[in-house]
């Protein structure tokens, strides 16, 4: 009798644990999984293969494609894209866990993957339209949709070993920023 009670107790505890995990995962997905998208993990490549790591929710995973000699970063969650040149090959797009601007809902940093230094030549910020009615402070506006205002920040000066990403290169990339449907 004692053995049957122990087995029943173990089964009940296992079922409760499994149920708690399932509820946690469902709740996380319903909330948009903001914390699980701390690293979008998009490796920017110029070939046809795109390395995607750490994208737990398919509906929020951005994509990178290589139509010709350019690279296109597309963010389906906030509906924007930016075309990058070959200079950006090897960079990652990371979603910051906590944007440096408290009014921003999201921040996407373009960082060189595998670098010993954390150099961020470009950050794109996404602001809910109602939070920035008076304009942006700390970043420069590049576009508006019906829901969001998009801003950017660049590094003040490039580290000596990052000379390919110039102010002109960043300005050229920002000129390609587009809202998508």
Protein backbone atom coordinates (compact mmCIF):
# COMPACT_ATOMS: atom_id res chain seq x y z
CA UNK A 1 0.00 0.00 0.00
CA UNK A 2 2.79 2.44 0.86
CA UNK A 3 4.46 1.79 -2.49
CA UNK A 4 1.25 2.61 -4.39
CA UNK A 5 0.88 5.86 -2.45
CA UNK A 6 4.47 6.83 -3.21
CA UNK A 7 4.00 6.08 -6.92
CA UNK A 8 0.76 8.05 -7.01
CA UNK A 9 2.45 10.97 -5.24
CA UNK A 10 5.36 10.95 -7.72
CA UNK A 11 2.91 10.88 -10.65
CA UNK A 12 0.92 13.79 -9.21
CA UNK A 13 4.08 15.84 -8.60
CA UNK A 14 5.40 15.09 -12.11
CA UNK A 15 2.06 16.09 -13.64
CA UNK A 16 2.01 19.32 -11.61
CA UNK A 17 5.56 20.14 -12.70
CA UNK A 18 4.78 19.47 -16.36
CA UNK A 19 1.61 21.55 -16.09
CA UNK A 20 3.51 24.45 -14.53
CA UNK A 21 6.12 24.39 -17.31
CA UNK A 22 3.42 24.29 -20.00
CA UNK A 23 1.56 27.22 -18.40
CA UNK A 24 4.81 29.20 -18.14
CA UNK A 25 5.60 28.64 -21.83
CA UNK A 26 2.06 29.54 -22.92
CA UNK A 27 2.12 32.71 -20.78
CA UNK A 28 5.52 33.71 -22.17
CA UNK A 29 4.32 33.30 -25.76
CA UNK A 30 1.14 35.30 -25.11
CA UNK A 31 3.14 38.20 -23.65
CA UNK A 32 5.18 38.48 -26.85
CA UNK A 33 8.20 36.80 -25.31
CA UNK A 34 10.07 40.10 -24.86
CA UNK A 35 12.63 38.61 -22.53
CA UNK A 36 13.36 35.60 -24.74
CA UNK A 37 14.18 37.89 -27.67
CA UNK A 38 17.12 39.53 -25.91
CA UNK A 39 19.31 38.23 -28.72
CA UNK A 40 17.72 38.20 -32.14
CA UNK A 41 20.81 36.33 -33.32
CA UNK A 42 20.77 37.26 -36.97
CA UNK A 43 24.15 36.70 -38.56
CA UNK A 44 24.45 38.99 -41.55
CA UNK A 45 25.94 37.04 -44.45
CA UNK A 46 26.18 37.85 -48.13
CA UNK A 47 25.60 34.31 -49.34
CA UNK A 48 22.22 32.65 -49.69
CA UNK A 49 22.48 30.91 -46.33
CA UNK A 50 21.44 32.96 -43.33
CA UNK A 51 22.49 31.79 -39.90
CA UNK A 52 19.68 32.30 -37.40
CA UNK A 53 20.20 31.45 -33.74
CA UNK A 54 18.18 32.14 -30.64
CA UNK A 55 14.88 33.03 -32.34
CA UNK A 56 12.36 31.28 -30.12
CA UNK A 57 9.21 32.77 -31.61
CA UNK A 58 8.85 32.41 -35.36
CA UNK A 59 6.48 35.37 -35.71
CA UNK A 60 9.04 37.77 -34.23
CA UNK A 61 12.13 36.42 -35.95
CA UNK A 62 13.62 38.93 -38.36
CA UNK A 63 15.12 37.74 -41.61
CA UNK A 64 18.15 38.59 -43.65
CA UNK A 65 18.27 37.97 -47.37
CA UNK A 66 20.86 38.59 -50.03
CA UNK A 67 19.14 39.64 -53.27
CA UNK A 68 22.35 40.69 -55.04
CA UNK A 69 25.44 42.24 -53.50
CA UNK A 70 23.45 43.83 -50.68
CA UNK A 71 22.00 42.42 -47.47
CA UNK A 72 18.52 43.21 -46.21
CA UNK A 73 17.64 43.11 -42.52
CA UNK A 74 13.86 42.78 -42.13
CA UNK A 75 12.07 43.03 -38.79
CA UNK A 76 8.57 41.56 -39.10
CA UNK A 77 7.52 42.51 -35.57
CA UNK A 78 7.97 46.27 -36.03
CA UNK A 79 7.64 46.13 -39.82
CA UNK A 80 10.80 47.76 -41.08
CA UNK A 81 13.77 46.85 -43.19
CA UNK A 82 17.19 48.29 -43.89
CA UNK A 83 19.57 47.41 -46.70
CA UNK A 84 23.18 46.84 -45.71
CA UNK A 85 26.32 46.75 -47.83
CA UNK A 86 29.03 44.09 -47.81
CA UNK A 87 30.84 46.08 -45.10
CA UNK A 88 28.27 44.78 -42.61
CA UNK A 89 29.02 41.10 -43.31
CA UNK A 90 29.66 39.34 -40.01
CA UNK A 91 27.58 41.75 -37.91
CA UNK A 92 24.79 40.56 -35.64
CA UNK A 93 21.51 42.31 -34.91
CA UNK A 94 20.79 42.11 -31.20
CA UNK A 95 17.62 43.21 -29.47
CA UNK A 96 18.65 44.93 -26.25
CA UNK A 97 17.02 43.49 -23.15
CA UNK A 98 16.56 47.01 -21.77
CA UNK A 99 16.73 49.90 -24.26
CA UNK A 100 19.10 52.69 -23.23
CA UNK A 101 16.28 55.17 -23.89
CA UNK A 102 13.51 54.58 -21.33
CA UNK A 103 10.81 55.77 -23.73
CA UNK A 104 11.77 53.16 -26.35
CA UNK A 105 9.87 49.89 -26.58
CA UNK A 106 12.70 48.16 -28.42
CA UNK A 107 16.32 48.73 -29.38
CA UNK A 108 18.18 46.84 -32.12
CA UNK A 109 21.98 47.04 -32.05
CA UNK A 110 24.15 46.18 -35.03
CA UNK A 111 27.30 44.64 -33.48
CA UNK A 112 30.29 42.85 -34.91
CA UNK A 113 29.99 39.15 -34.10
CA UNK A 114 32.98 37.45 -32.54
CA UNK A 115 34.73 40.73 -31.77
CA UNK A 116 36.59 41.15 -28.49
CA UNK A 117 35.27 44.73 -28.32
CA UNK A 118 31.57 45.51 -28.17
CA UNK A 119 31.34 48.14 -30.87
CA UNK A 120 27.85 49.29 -31.88
CA UNK A 121 28.01 51.50 -34.96
CA UNK A 122 24.23 51.69 -35.32
CA UNK A 123 21.23 51.26 -33.02
CA UNK A 124 17.63 51.50 -34.16
CA UNK A 125 15.04 52.47 -31.54
CA UNK A 126 11.30 51.80 -31.72
CA UNK A 127 9.04 54.16 -29.75
CA UNK A 128 5.28 53.83 -29.25
CA UNK A 129 3.82 56.86 -31.05
CA UNK A 130 2.03 58.12 -27.91
CA UNK A 131 5.23 58.31 -25.85
CA UNK A 132 7.09 60.70 -28.14
CA UNK A 133 4.50 63.26 -29.17
CA UNK A 134 6.96 66.06 -28.39
CA UNK A 135 9.75 64.51 -30.46
CA UNK A 136 12.72 62.29 -29.71
CA UNK A 137 15.50 63.10 -27.29
CA UNK A 138 18.80 61.30 -27.66
CA UNK A 139 18.08 59.71 -31.01
CA UNK A 140 17.23 61.01 -34.47
CA UNK A 141 13.92 60.19 -36.12
CA UNK A 142 14.06 58.26 -39.39
CA UNK A 143 10.43 57.21 -39.93
CA UNK A 144 6.91 57.03 -38.47
CA UNK A 145 4.17 54.49 -38.85
CA UNK A 146 0.67 54.64 -37.40
CA UNK A 147 1.95 52.88 -34.25
CA UNK A 148 5.64 53.68 -33.93
CA UNK A 149 8.34 56.30 -34.33
CA UNK A 150 11.72 54.93 -35.44
CA UNK A 151 14.92 56.60 -34.35
CA UNK A 152 18.61 55.85 -34.56
CA UNK A 153 21.88 56.51 -32.79
CA UNK A 154 25.39 55.98 -34.10
CA UNK A 155 28.74 55.77 -32.41
CA UNK A 156 30.47 59.08 -31.87
CA UNK A 157 33.74 57.86 -33.38
CA UNK A 158 34.77 54.52 -34.81
CA UNK A 159 37.40 52.50 -32.96
CA UNK A 160 40.61 52.25 -34.98
CA UNK A 161 40.00 48.64 -36.02
CA UNK A 162 36.45 49.36 -37.25
CA UNK A 163 37.30 51.84 -40.01
CA UNK A 164 35.01 50.29 -42.65
CA UNK A 165 31.88 51.62 -40.94
CA UNK A 166 32.18 55.33 -41.63
CA UNK A 167 29.67 58.12 -41.03
CA UNK A 168 28.93 58.11 -44.77
CA UNK A 169 28.35 54.33 -44.73
CA UNK A 170 25.88 54.68 -41.85
CA UNK A 171 24.11 57.60 -43.58
CA UNK A 172 23.88 55.53 -46.78
CA UNK A 173 22.33 52.62 -44.85
CA UNK A 174 19.85 54.88 -43.03
CA UNK A 175 18.74 56.21 -46.42
CA UNK A 176 17.57 52.65 -47.23
CA UNK A 177 15.38 52.35 -44.10
CA UNK A 178 11.80 51.49 -45.13
CA UNK A 179 8.57 50.59 -43.40
CA UNK A 180 7.06 47.30 -44.57
CA UNK A 181 3.53 45.91 -44.53
